[in-house]
C-alpha atoms as a PDB file:
ATOM      1  CA  MET A   1      -0.370  -0.888 -23.654  1.00  0.00           C
ATOM      2  CA  GLN A   2       1.495  -0.966 -20.346  1.00  0.00           C
ATOM      3  CA  LYS A   3       2.003   2.786 -20.150  1.00  0.00           C
ATOM      4  CA  ARG A   4      -1.658   3.456 -20.954  1.00  0.00           C
ATOM      5  CA  LEU A   5      -3.096   1.373 -18.128  1.00  0.00           C
ATOM      6  CA  GLN A   6      -3.541   4.320 -15.775  1.00  0.00           C
ATOM      7  CA  SER A   7      -5.800   6.265 -18.149  1.00  0.00           C
ATOM      8  CA  GLN A   8      -7.585   3.269 -19.672  1.00  0.00           C
ATOM      9  CA  TYR A   9      -8.636   1.502 -16.466  1.00  0.00           C
ATOM     10  CA  GLN A  10     -10.031   3.076 -13.341  1.00  0.00           C
ATOM     11  CA  ASN A  11      -8.260   2.170 -10.098  1.00  0.00           C
ATOM     12  CA  LEU A  12      -5.337   0.528 -11.904  1.00  0.00           C
ATOM     13  CA  ILE A  13      -1.916   2.159 -12.288  1.00  0.00           C
ATOM     14  CA  TYR A  14       1.228   0.810 -13.875  1.00  0.00           C
ATOM     15  CA  GLN A  15       4.394   2.876 -14.075  1.00  0.00           C
ATOM     16  CA  PRO A  16       7.502   1.279 -15.629  1.00  0.00           C
ATOM     17  CA  SER A  17      10.876   2.566 -14.427  1.00  0.00           C
ATOM     18  CA  SER A  18       9.118   4.184 -11.480  1.00  0.00           C
ATOM     19  CA  ILE A  19      12.043   3.611  -9.100  1.00  0.00           C
ATOM     20  CA  SER A  20      15.192   5.624  -9.759  1.00  0.00           C
ATOM     21  CA  ARG A  21      18.588   3.963  -9.971  1.00  0.00           C
ATOM     22  CA  GLN A  22      19.602   5.648  -6.722  1.00  0.00           C
ATOM     23  CA  GLN A  23      16.460   4.448  -4.925  1.00  0.00           C
ATOM     24  CA  LYS A  24      16.977   0.917  -6.202  1.00  0.00           C
ATOM     25  CA  THR A  25      20.572   0.873  -4.951  1.00  0.00           C
ATOM     26  CA  GLN A  26      19.490   2.117  -1.517  1.00  0.00           C
ATOM     27  CA  ILE A  27      16.662  -0.419  -1.302  1.00  0.00           C
ATOM     28  CA  LEU A  28      18.869  -3.344  -2.330  1.00  0.00           C
ATOM     29  CA  ASN A  29      21.524  -2.242   0.165  1.00  0.00           C
ATOM     30  CA  TYR A  30      18.847  -2.284   2.843  1.00  0.00           C
ATOM     31  CA  LEU A  31      17.680  -5.756   1.770  1.00  0.00           C
ATOM     32  CA  SER A  32      21.212  -7.067   2.213  1.00  0.00           C
ATOM     33  CA  THR A  33      20.865  -6.353   5.959  1.00  0.00           C
ATOM     34  CA  LEU A  34      17.723  -8.487   6.330  1.00  0.00           C
ATOM     35  CA  HIS A  35      17.538 -12.208   7.005  1.00  0.00           C
ATOM     36  CA  PRO A  36      14.379 -13.591   5.360  1.00  0.00           C
ATOM     37  CA  ILE A  37      12.844 -16.718   6.838  1.00  0.00           C
ATOM     38  CA  TRP A  38      11.050 -19.793   5.564  1.00  0.00           C
ATOM     39  CA  GLU A  39       7.654 -20.375   7.146  1.00  0.00           C
ATOM     40  CA  MET A  40       5.525 -23.483   7.457  1.00  0.00           C
ATOM     41  CA  ARG A  41       1.892 -23.206   6.415  1.00  0.00           C
ATOM     42  CA  TYR A  42       0.464 -24.870   9.533  1.00  0.00           C
ATOM     43  CA  SER A  43       1.398 -25.318  13.182  1.00  0.00           C
ATOM     44  CA  LYS A  44       0.605 -27.247  16.373  1.00  0.00           C
ATOM     45  CA  ASN A  45      -2.486 -25.188  17.171  1.00  0.00           C
ATOM     46  CA  ASN A  46      -3.460 -24.706  13.533  1.00  0.00           C
ATOM     47  CA  PRO A  47      -2.951 -28.179  12.028  1.00  0.00           C
ATOM     48  CA  PRO A  48      -3.531 -28.915   8.336  1.00  0.00           C
ATOM     49  CA  PRO A  49      -7.003 -30.022   7.222  1.00  0.00           C
ATOM     50  CA  ALA A  50      -7.594 -33.768   6.946  1.00  0.00           C
ATOM     51  CA  ASP A  51      -6.964 -33.765   3.189  1.00  0.00           C
ATOM     52  CA  GLN A  52      -3.698 -31.767   3.346  1.00  0.00           C
ATOM     53  CA  GLN A  53      -0.202 -32.089   4.754  1.00  0.00           C
ATOM     54  CA  GLN A  54       2.149 -29.722   6.505  1.00  0.00           C
ATOM     55  CA  ARG A  55       4.275 -27.855   3.966  1.00  0.00           C
ATOM     56  CA  ARG A  56       6.779 -25.076   3.724  1.00  0.00           C
ATOM     57  CA  LEU A  57       5.902 -21.916   1.837  1.00  0.00           C
ATOM     58  CA  LEU A  58       7.313 -21.755  -1.675  1.00  0.00           C
ATOM     59  CA  ARG A  59       9.622 -18.832  -0.990  1.00  0.00           C
ATOM     60  CA  PRO A  60      11.372 -16.996   1.847  1.00  0.00           C
ATOM     61  CA  VAL A  61       9.702 -13.800   3.045  1.00  0.00           C
ATOM     62  CA  TYR A  62      10.171 -10.746   5.207  1.00  0.00           C
ATOM     63  CA  TRP A  63       7.516  -8.351   6.517  1.00  0.00           C
ATOM     64  CA  LEU A  64       7.715  -4.717   7.573  1.00  0.00           C
ATOM     65  CA  GLY A  65       5.157  -2.736   9.593  1.00  0.00           C
ATOM     66  CA  ASN A  66       3.489  -5.904  10.798  1.00  0.00           C
ATOM     67  CA  TRP A  67       4.167  -9.585  10.258  1.00  0.00           C
ATOM     68  CA  GLN A  68       1.355 -11.847   9.102  1.00  0.00           C
ATOM     69  CA  PHE A  69       2.479 -15.389   9.808  1.00  0.00           C
ATOM     70  CA  ALA A  70       1.112 -18.098   7.519  1.00  0.00           C
ATOM     71  CA  CYS A  71       0.244 -20.383  10.439  1.00  0.00           C
ATOM     72  CA  LEU A  72      -1.939 -17.607  11.908  1.00  0.00           C
ATOM     73  CA  ASN A  73      -3.906 -17.597   8.626  1.00  0.00           C
ATOM     74  CA  TYR A  74      -2.953 -14.064   7.598  1.00  0.00           C
ATOM     75  CA  TYR A  75      -5.262 -11.050   7.832  1.00  0.00           C
ATOM     76  CA  HIS A  76      -8.626 -11.894   6.315  1.00  0.00           C
ATOM     77  CA  PRO A  77     -11.593  -9.566   6.966  1.00  0.00           C
ATOM     78  CA  PRO A  78     -14.343  -9.692   7.956  1.00  0.00           C
ATOM     79  CA  LYS A  79     -13.831 -12.672  10.302  1.00  0.00           C
ATOM     80  CA  GLY A  80     -10.065 -13.121  10.314  1.00  0.00           C
ATOM     81  CA  ILE A  81      -8.938  -9.818  11.770  1.00  0.00           C
ATOM     82  CA  TYR A  82      -7.825 -10.536  15.342  1.00  0.00           C
ATOM     83  CA  HIS A  83      -4.511 -12.066  16.442  1.00  0.00           C
ATOM     84  CA  ARG A  84      -3.197 -12.240  12.873  1.00  0.00           C
ATOM     85  CA  CYS A  85      -0.835  -9.250  12.653  1.00  0.00           C
ATOM     86  CA  VAL A  86       2.253  -8.956  14.850  1.00  0.00           C
ATOM     87  CA  SER A  87       4.160  -5.682  15.194  1.00  0.00           C
ATOM     88  CA  ALA A  88       7.236  -5.688  12.944  1.00  0.00           C
ATOM     89  CA  GLU A  89      10.127  -3.409  12.049  1.00  0.00           C
ATOM     90  CA  PRO A  90       9.245   0.043  10.658  1.00  0.00           C
ATOM     91  CA  TYR A  91      10.057   1.059   7.107  1.00  0.00           C
ATOM     92  CA  PRO A  92      13.567   2.357   6.512  1.00  0.00           C
ATOM     93  CA  GLU A  93      13.755   5.957   5.308  1.00  0.00           C
ATOM     94  CA  VAL A  94      14.093   5.033   1.622  1.00  0.00           C
ATOM     95  CA  LEU A  95      10.865   2.995   1.739  1.00  0.00           C
ATOM     96  CA  ARG A  96       9.073   5.559   3.897  1.00  0.00           C
ATOM     97  CA  THR A  97       9.770   8.229   1.289  1.00  0.00           C
ATOM     98  CA  LEU A  98       8.640   5.894  -1.494  1.00  0.00           C
ATOM     99  CA  VAL A  99       5.426   4.961   0.316  1.00  0.00           C
ATOM    100  CA  ASP A 100       4.584   8.619   0.945  1.00  0.00           C
ATOM    101  CA  SER A 101       4.792   9.323  -2.789  1.00  0.00           C
ATOM    102  CA  ILE A 102       2.690   6.251  -3.655  1.00  0.00           C
ATOM    103  CA  GLU A 103       0.009   7.252  -1.166  1.00  0.00           C
ATOM    104  CA  ARG A 104      -0.163  10.735  -2.712  1.00  0.00           C
ATOM    105  CA  LEU A 105      -0.485   9.213  -6.190  1.00  0.00           C
ATOM    106  CA  ILE A 106      -3.311   6.928  -5.106  1.00  0.00           C
ATOM    107  CA  LYS A 107      -5.252   9.726  -3.411  1.00  0.00           C
ATOM    108  CA  GLU A 108      -4.870  11.813  -6.538  1.00  0.00           C
ATOM    109  CA  LYS A 109      -5.850   9.139  -9.087  1.00  0.00           C
ATOM    110  CA  PHE A 110      -8.260   6.781  -7.326  1.00  0.00           C
ATOM    111  CA  ASP A 111     -11.961   7.191  -6.706  1.00  0.00           C
ATOM    112  CA  PRO A 112     -12.274   8.426  -3.082  1.00  0.00           C
ATOM    113  CA  LYS A 113     -14.988   5.858  -2.341  1.00  0.00           C
ATOM    114  CA  ASP A 114     -12.416   3.106  -2.906  1.00  0.00           C
ATOM    115  CA  ILE A 115     -10.034   4.481  -0.275  1.00  0.00           C
ATOM    116  CA  PRO A 116     -11.184   3.521   3.256  1.00  0.00           C
ATOM    117  CA  ARG A 117     -11.106   6.042   6.067  1.00  0.00           C
ATOM    118  CA  GLY A 118      -7.733   5.919   7.799  1.00  0.00           C
ATOM    119  CA  TRP A 119      -6.134   4.048   4.883  1.00  0.00           C
ATOM    120  CA  LYS A 120      -2.347   4.064   4.662  1.00  0.00           C
ATOM    121  CA  LEU A 121       0.207   1.615   3.317  1.00  0.00           C
ATOM    122  CA  ASN A 122       1.426   0.478   6.720  1.00  0.00           C
ATOM    123  CA  THR A 123       2.365  -3.133   6.033  1.00  0.00           C
ATOM    124  CA  CYS A 124       4.740  -4.592   3.467  1.00  0.00           C
ATOM    125  CA  LEU A 125       5.335  -8.184   2.408  1.00  0.00           C
ATOM    126  CA  ILE A 126       8.707  -8.740   0.749  1.00  0.00           C
ATOM    127  CA  ASN A 127       8.638 -11.877  -1.417  1.00  0.00           C
ATOM    128  CA  PHE A 128      11.841 -13.410  -2.727  1.00  0.00           C
ATOM    129  CA  TYR A 129      11.174 -15.280  -5.972  1.00  0.00           C
ATOM    130  CA  GLY A 130      13.593 -17.623  -7.679  1.00  0.00           C
ATOM    131  CA  ASP A 131      14.998 -21.137  -7.590  1.00  0.00           C
ATOM    132  CA  GLN A 132      15.139 -23.360  -4.547  1.00  0.00           C
ATOM    133  CA  ILE A 133      18.301 -25.465  -4.454  1.00  0.00           C
ATOM    134  CA  THR A 134      17.670 -28.997  -3.192  1.00  0.00           C
ATOM    135  CA  PRO A 135      20.280 -30.966  -1.186  1.00  0.00           C
ATOM    136  CA  GLU A 136      20.982 -32.873  -4.413  1.00  0.00           C
ATOM    137  CA  GLY A 137      21.714 -29.618  -6.234  1.00  0.00           C
ATOM    138  CA  ARG A 138      18.512 -29.650  -8.274  1.00  0.00           C
ATOM    139  CA  ARG A 139      16.812 -26.325  -9.030  1.00  0.00           C
ATOM    140  CA  VAL A 140      13.098 -25.945  -8.345  1.00  0.00           C
ATOM    141  CA  ASP A 141      11.414 -22.892  -9.862  1.00  0.00           C
ATOM    142  CA  CYS A 142       9.461 -21.096  -7.121  1.00  0.00           C
ATOM    143  CA  ALA A 143       8.725 -17.905  -9.028  1.00  0.00           C
ATOM    144  CA  ARG A 144       5.029 -18.374  -9.798  1.00  0.00           C
ATOM    145  CA  VAL A 145       2.097 -17.371  -7.593  1.00  0.00           C
ATOM    146  CA  GLY A 146      -1.305 -19.046  -7.771  1.00  0.00           C
ATOM    147  CA  GLU A 147      -4.499 -17.044  -8.135  1.00  0.00           C
ATOM    148  CA  HIS A 148      -5.670 -15.310  -4.984  1.00  0.00           C
ATOM    149  CA  LYS A 149      -7.049 -12.063  -3.585  1.00  0.00           C
ATOM    150  CA  ASP A 150      -5.522  -9.555  -1.172  1.00  0.00           C
ATOM    151  CA  PHE A 151      -8.081  -9.037   1.581  1.00  0.00           C
ATOM    152  CA  GLU A 152      -6.588  -6.031   3.350  1.00  0.00           C
ATOM    153  CA  PRO A 153      -8.915  -3.041   2.782  1.00  0.00           C
ATOM    154  CA  GLY A 154      -8.163  -0.422   0.149  1.00  0.00           C
ATOM    155  CA  PRO A 155      -5.685  -0.123  -2.723  1.00  0.00           C
ATOM    156  CA  VAL A 156      -2.603  -2.342  -2.934  1.00  0.00           C
ATOM    157  CA  ALA A 157       0.752  -1.197  -4.317  1.00  0.00           C
ATOM    158  CA  SER A 158       3.694  -3.313  -5.419  1.00  0.00           C
ATOM    159  CA  VAL A 159       7.238  -2.566  -6.518  1.00  0.00           C
ATOM    160  CA  SER A 160       9.253  -5.142  -8.462  1.00  0.00           C
ATOM    161  CA  PHE A 161      12.970  -5.704  -8.999  1.00  0.00           C
ATOM    162  CA  GLY A 162      14.783  -8.254 -11.133  1.00  0.00           C
ATOM    163  CA  ASP A 163      13.342 -10.524 -13.808  1.00  0.00           C
ATOM    164  CA  ARG A 164      10.007  -9.384 -15.188  1.00  0.00           C
ATOM    165  CA  ALA A 165       6.825 -11.215 -14.201  1.00  0.00           C
ATOM    166  CA  LEU A 166       3.628 -11.876 -16.152  1.00  0.00           C
ATOM    167  CA  PHE A 167       0.887 -10.631 -13.822  1.00  0.00           C
ATOM    168  CA  GLN A 168      -2.716 -11.587 -14.639  1.00  0.00           C
ATOM    169  CA  PHE A 169      -6.143 -10.541 -13.377  1.00  0.00           C
ATOM    170  CA  VAL A 170      -8.480 -13.503 -13.788  1.00  0.00           C
ATOM    171  CA  GLU A 171     -12.039 -14.647 -13.277  1.00  0.00           C
ATOM    172  CA  SER A 172     -11.623 -17.834 -11.267  1.00  0.00           C
ATOM    173  CA  ARG A 173     -13.417 -20.904 -12.592  1.00  0.00           C
ATOM    174  CA  GLY A 174     -12.349 -23.526 -10.112  1.00  0.00           C
ATOM    175  CA  THR A 175      -8.900 -24.417 -11.414  1.00  0.00           C
ATOM    176  CA  GLN A 176      -6.053 -22.210 -12.571  1.00  0.00           C
ATOM    177  CA  SER A 177      -6.083 -23.743 -16.063  1.00  0.00           C
ATOM    178  CA  GLN A 178      -9.782 -22.949 -16.505  1.00  0.00           C
ATOM    179  CA  SER A 179      -9.693 -19.366 -15.219  1.00  0.00           C
ATOM    180  CA  HIS A 180     -10.379 -16.600 -17.721  1.00  0.00           C
ATOM    181  CA  VAL A 181      -7.686 -13.933 -18.091  1.00  0.00           C
ATOM    182  CA  VAL A 182      -9.296 -10.477 -18.013  1.00  0.00           C
ATOM    183  CA  LEU A 183      -6.081  -8.452 -18.202  1.00  0.00           C
ATOM    184  CA  GLN A 184      -2.391  -9.220 -18.084  1.00  0.00           C
ATOM    185  CA  GLN A 185       0.715  -7.071 -17.868  1.00  0.00           C
ATOM    186  CA  TRP A 186       4.455  -7.542 -17.507  1.00  0.00           C
ATOM    187  CA  LEU A 187       5.875  -6.184 -14.262  1.00  0.00           C
ATOM    188  CA  GLU A 188       9.314  -4.932 -15.207  1.00  0.00           C
ATOM    189  CA  ASP A 189      12.368  -4.214 -13.072  1.00  0.00           C
ATOM    190  CA  SER A 190      11.865  -1.035 -10.964  1.00  0.00           C
ATOM    191  CA  SER A 191       8.171  -0.782 -11.863  1.00  0.00           C
ATOM    192  CA  LEU A 192       5.224   0.279  -9.730  1.00  0.00           C
ATOM    193  CA  GLN A 193       1.796  -1.343  -9.917  1.00  0.00           C
ATOM    194  CA  VAL A 194      -1.272  -0.209  -7.977  1.00  0.00           C
ATOM    195  CA  PHE A 195      -4.754  -1.736  -8.045  1.00  0.00           C
ATOM    196  CA  GLY A 196      -7.945  -1.397  -6.051  1.00  0.00           C
ATOM    197  CA  GLY A 197     -11.659  -0.840  -6.352  1.00  0.00           C
ATOM    198  CA  GLU A 198     -14.589  -3.131  -7.021  1.00  0.00           C
ATOM    199  CA  LYS A 199     -13.265  -4.801 -10.182  1.00  0.00           C
ATOM    200  CA  PHE A 200      -9.551  -5.365  -9.705  1.00  0.00           C
ATOM    201  CA  LYS A 201      -9.507  -5.762  -5.923  1.00  0.00           C
ATOM    202  CA  LYS A 202     -12.843  -7.306  -4.940  1.00  0.00           C
ATOM    203  CA  LYS A 203     -14.138  -9.244  -7.948  1.00  0.00           C
ATOM    204  CA  LEU A 204     -11.078 -10.500  -9.794  1.00  0.00           C
ATOM    205  CA  PHE A 205      -8.327 -12.796  -8.605  1.00  0.00           C
ATOM    206  CA  HIS A 206      -4.714 -12.201  -9.578  1.00  0.00           C
ATOM    207  CA  ARG A 207      -1.665 -14.387 -10.103  1.00  0.00           C
ATOM    208  CA  VAL A 208       1.896 -14.417 -11.410  1.00  0.00           C
ATOM    209  CA  GLN A 209       1.773 -16.828 -14.325  1.00  0.00           C
ATOM    210  CA  ARG A 210       5.479 -16.907 -15.056  1.00  0.00           C
ATOM    211  CA  VAL A 211       8.748 -15.086 -14.482  1.00  0.00           C
ATOM    212  CA  GLU A 212      11.151 -14.730 -17.369  1.00  0.00           C
ATOM    213  CA  LYS A 213      14.678 -16.010 -16.898  1.00  0.00           C
ATOM    214  CA  LYS A 214      16.890 -13.435 -18.540  1.00  0.00           C
ATOM    215  CA  GLY A 215      20.160 -14.353 -16.934  1.00  0.00           C
ATOM    216  CA  THR A 216      19.787 -11.530 -14.436  1.00  0.00           C
ATOM    217  CA  PRO A 217      22.541 -11.715 -11.792  1.00  0.00           C
ATOM    218  CA  ASN A 218      21.244 -13.157  -8.549  1.00  0.00           C
ATOM    219  CA  PHE A 219      20.725 -10.746  -5.695  1.00  0.00           C
ATOM    220  CA  ALA A 220      23.293 -10.933  -2.912  1.00  0.00           C
ATOM    221  CA  LEU A 221      20.919 -11.669  -0.032  1.00  0.00           C
ATOM    222  CA  ASN A 222      20.946 -13.590   3.228  1.00  0.00           C
ATOM    223  CA  VAL A 223      18.869 -16.512   1.952  1.00  0.00           C
ATOM    224  CA  SER A 224      20.206 -20.057   2.110  1.00  0.00           C
ATOM    225  CA  ASP A 225      19.605 -22.790  -0.492  1.00  0.00           C
ATOM    226  CA  PHE A 226      17.886 -20.302  -2.751  1.00  0.00           C
ATOM    227  CA  GLU A 227      18.786 -18.077  -5.702  1.00  0.00           C
ATOM    228  CA  THR A 228      16.678 -14.943  -5.903  1.00  0.00           C
ATOM    229  CA  ARG A 229      15.760 -13.727  -9.396  1.00  0.00           C
ATOM    230  CA  ARG A 230      12.927 -11.370  -8.529  1.00  0.00           C
ATOM    231  CA  ILE A 231      11.948  -9.342  -5.462  1.00  0.00           C
ATOM    232  CA  ASN A 232       8.515  -7.850  -4.916  1.00  0.00           C
ATOM    233  CA  PHE A 233       7.405  -5.389  -2.235  1.00  0.00           C
ATOM    234  CA  THR A 234       3.637  -5.503  -1.705  1.00  0.00           C
ATOM    235  CA  PHE A 235       2.282  -2.613   0.381  1.00  0.00           C
ATOM    236  CA  ARG A 236      -1.144  -2.929   1.997  1.00  0.00           C
ATOM    237  CA  TYR A 237      -3.235  -1.485   4.829  1.00  0.00           C
ATOM    238  CA  VAL A 238      -4.115  -3.062   8.172  1.00  0.00           C
ATOM    239  CA  PRO A 239      -6.008  -0.922  10.728  1.00  0.00           C
ATOM    240  CA  ASP A 240      -3.722  -0.089  13.644  1.00  0.00           C
ATOM    241  CA  GLU A 241      -6.112  -1.587  16.183  1.00  0.00           C
ATOM    242  CA  HIS A 242      -5.627  -5.014  14.579  1.00  0.00           C
ATOM    243  CA  ILE A 243      -1.834  -4.980  15.009  1.00  0.00           C
ATOM    244  CA  LEU A 244      -0.500  -6.368  18.298  1.00  0.00           C
ATOM    245  CA  PRO A 245       2.957  -6.645  19.836  1.00  0.00           C
ATOM    246  CA  PHE A 246       4.022 -10.270  20.169  1.00  0.00           C
ATOM    247  CA  TYR A 247       3.619 -10.397  23.952  1.00  0.00           C
ATOM    248  CA  LYS A 248      -0.084  -9.504  23.638  1.00  0.00           C
ATOM    249  CA  LEU A 249      -0.932 -12.439  21.387  1.00  0.00           C
ATOM    250  CA  PRO A 250      -2.898 -15.336  22.907  1.00  0.00           C
ATOM    251  CA  THR A 251      -0.684 -18.094  24.303  1.00  0.00           C
ATOM    252  CA  ASP A 252      -1.452 -20.537  21.469  1.00  0.00           C
ATOM    253  CA  ASN A 253      -0.469 -17.971  18.842  1.00  0.00           C
ATOM    254  CA  GLN A 254       2.746 -17.195  20.692  1.00  0.00           C
ATOM    255  CA  GLU A 255       3.570 -20.891  20.867  1.00  0.00           C
ATOM    256  CA  ASP A 256       3.012 -21.360  17.136  1.00  0.00           C
ATOM    257  CA  THR A 257       5.191 -18.408  16.112  1.00  0.00           C
ATOM    258  CA  LEU A 258       7.878 -18.357  18.810  1.00  0.00           C
ATOM    259  CA  GLU A 259      10.380 -20.243  16.615  1.00  0.00           C
ATOM    260  CA  TYR A 260      10.043 -17.609  13.888  1.00  0.00           C
ATOM    261  CA  MET A 261      10.376 -14.766  16.356  1.00  0.00           C
ATOM    262  CA  GLU A 262      13.548 -16.314  17.757  1.00  0.00           C
ATOM    263  CA  LYS A 263      15.032 -16.625  14.264  1.00  0.00           C
ATOM    264  CA  LEU A 264      14.193 -12.999  13.515  1.00  0.00           C
ATOM    265  CA  ALA A 265      15.607 -11.849  16.848  1.00  0.00           C
ATOM    266  CA  LEU A 266      19.017 -13.302  15.944  1.00  0.00           C
ATOM    267  CA  HIS A 267      19.509 -10.438  13.485  1.00  0.00           C
ATOM    268  CA  SER A 268      17.000  -7.793  14.580  1.00  0.00           C
ATOM    269  CA  ASP A 269      17.056  -5.657  17.721  1.00  0.00           C
ATOM    270  CA  PHE A 270      13.378  -4.914  17.149  1.00  0.00           C
ATOM    271  CA  PHE A 271      12.320  -8.556  17.465  1.00  0.00           C
ATOM    272  CA  LYS A 272      14.842  -9.199  20.222  1.00  0.00           C
ATOM    273  CA  LYS A 273      13.215  -6.466  22.292  1.00  0.00           C
ATOM    274  CA  HIS A 274       9.738  -7.867  21.703  1.00  0.00           C
ATOM    275  CA  LEU A 275      10.836 -11.313  22.831  1.00  0.00           C
ATOM    276  CA  GLN A 276      12.277  -9.828  25.993  1.00  0.00           C
ATOM    277  CA  LEU A 277       8.902  -8.255  26.783  1.00  0.00           C
ATOM    278  CA  LEU A 278       7.509 -11.783  27.264  1.00  0.00           C
ATOM    279  CA  LYS A 279       9.428 -11.960  30.534  1.00  0.00           C
ATOM    280  CA  PHE A 280       7.543  -9.071  32.115  1.00  0.00           C
END
């Protein structure tokens, strides 16, 4: 069924073994140069609601193109579009080439009405899925993702490496256990998945129900107290006018994200330069 998804469902593409061995090696070599960070969900100027507590995100992340910090509430049209997206490092050449080919595929296969004017895959969230290692040495599985929607306009593309994940499109019915599964598919190592349109992007939620543990060797990455079993690149679109350099953010937003920027600047000339611009 997996290989037939493109022809059977409009605005849904799944291509197993889409990434060549050479591309995968280049991408993983690039990842070894990054230093993912752990983010907190809330902050001083965006405190948790009365019925919730401050918490750390379930997995370390890295963003390219622009960084959407959790404590800034991510990019969420139509109301949550300003002061959410901070300029981030550009794609390396291997990802730029990959994104160009994905964009061509989408424009060839998707209904034009489901591709917004100016659309391009200019932002990428890199999620590191696996086991968190507690101070006591206990392993906590952090490889699932609860049901949600991606609110950035237009089609979304994702590339997966490592252990395969059971990805589900669901009709939400209040709780994850009650939601109705409309379609599910295994996202294999080196696969490409693309979805968009009214049904898969706007109406249905999606989630990662489980990730198989196949004894895959852990990735050699710069992530502490964590063993990565799966890596996912999710490419989306944010209009350029909604992406700001860090020094142009409102003062409260700068205050809430300065610690993250300083951590990123320790290993990135890009973020180091943007911090320096605060002085001028």
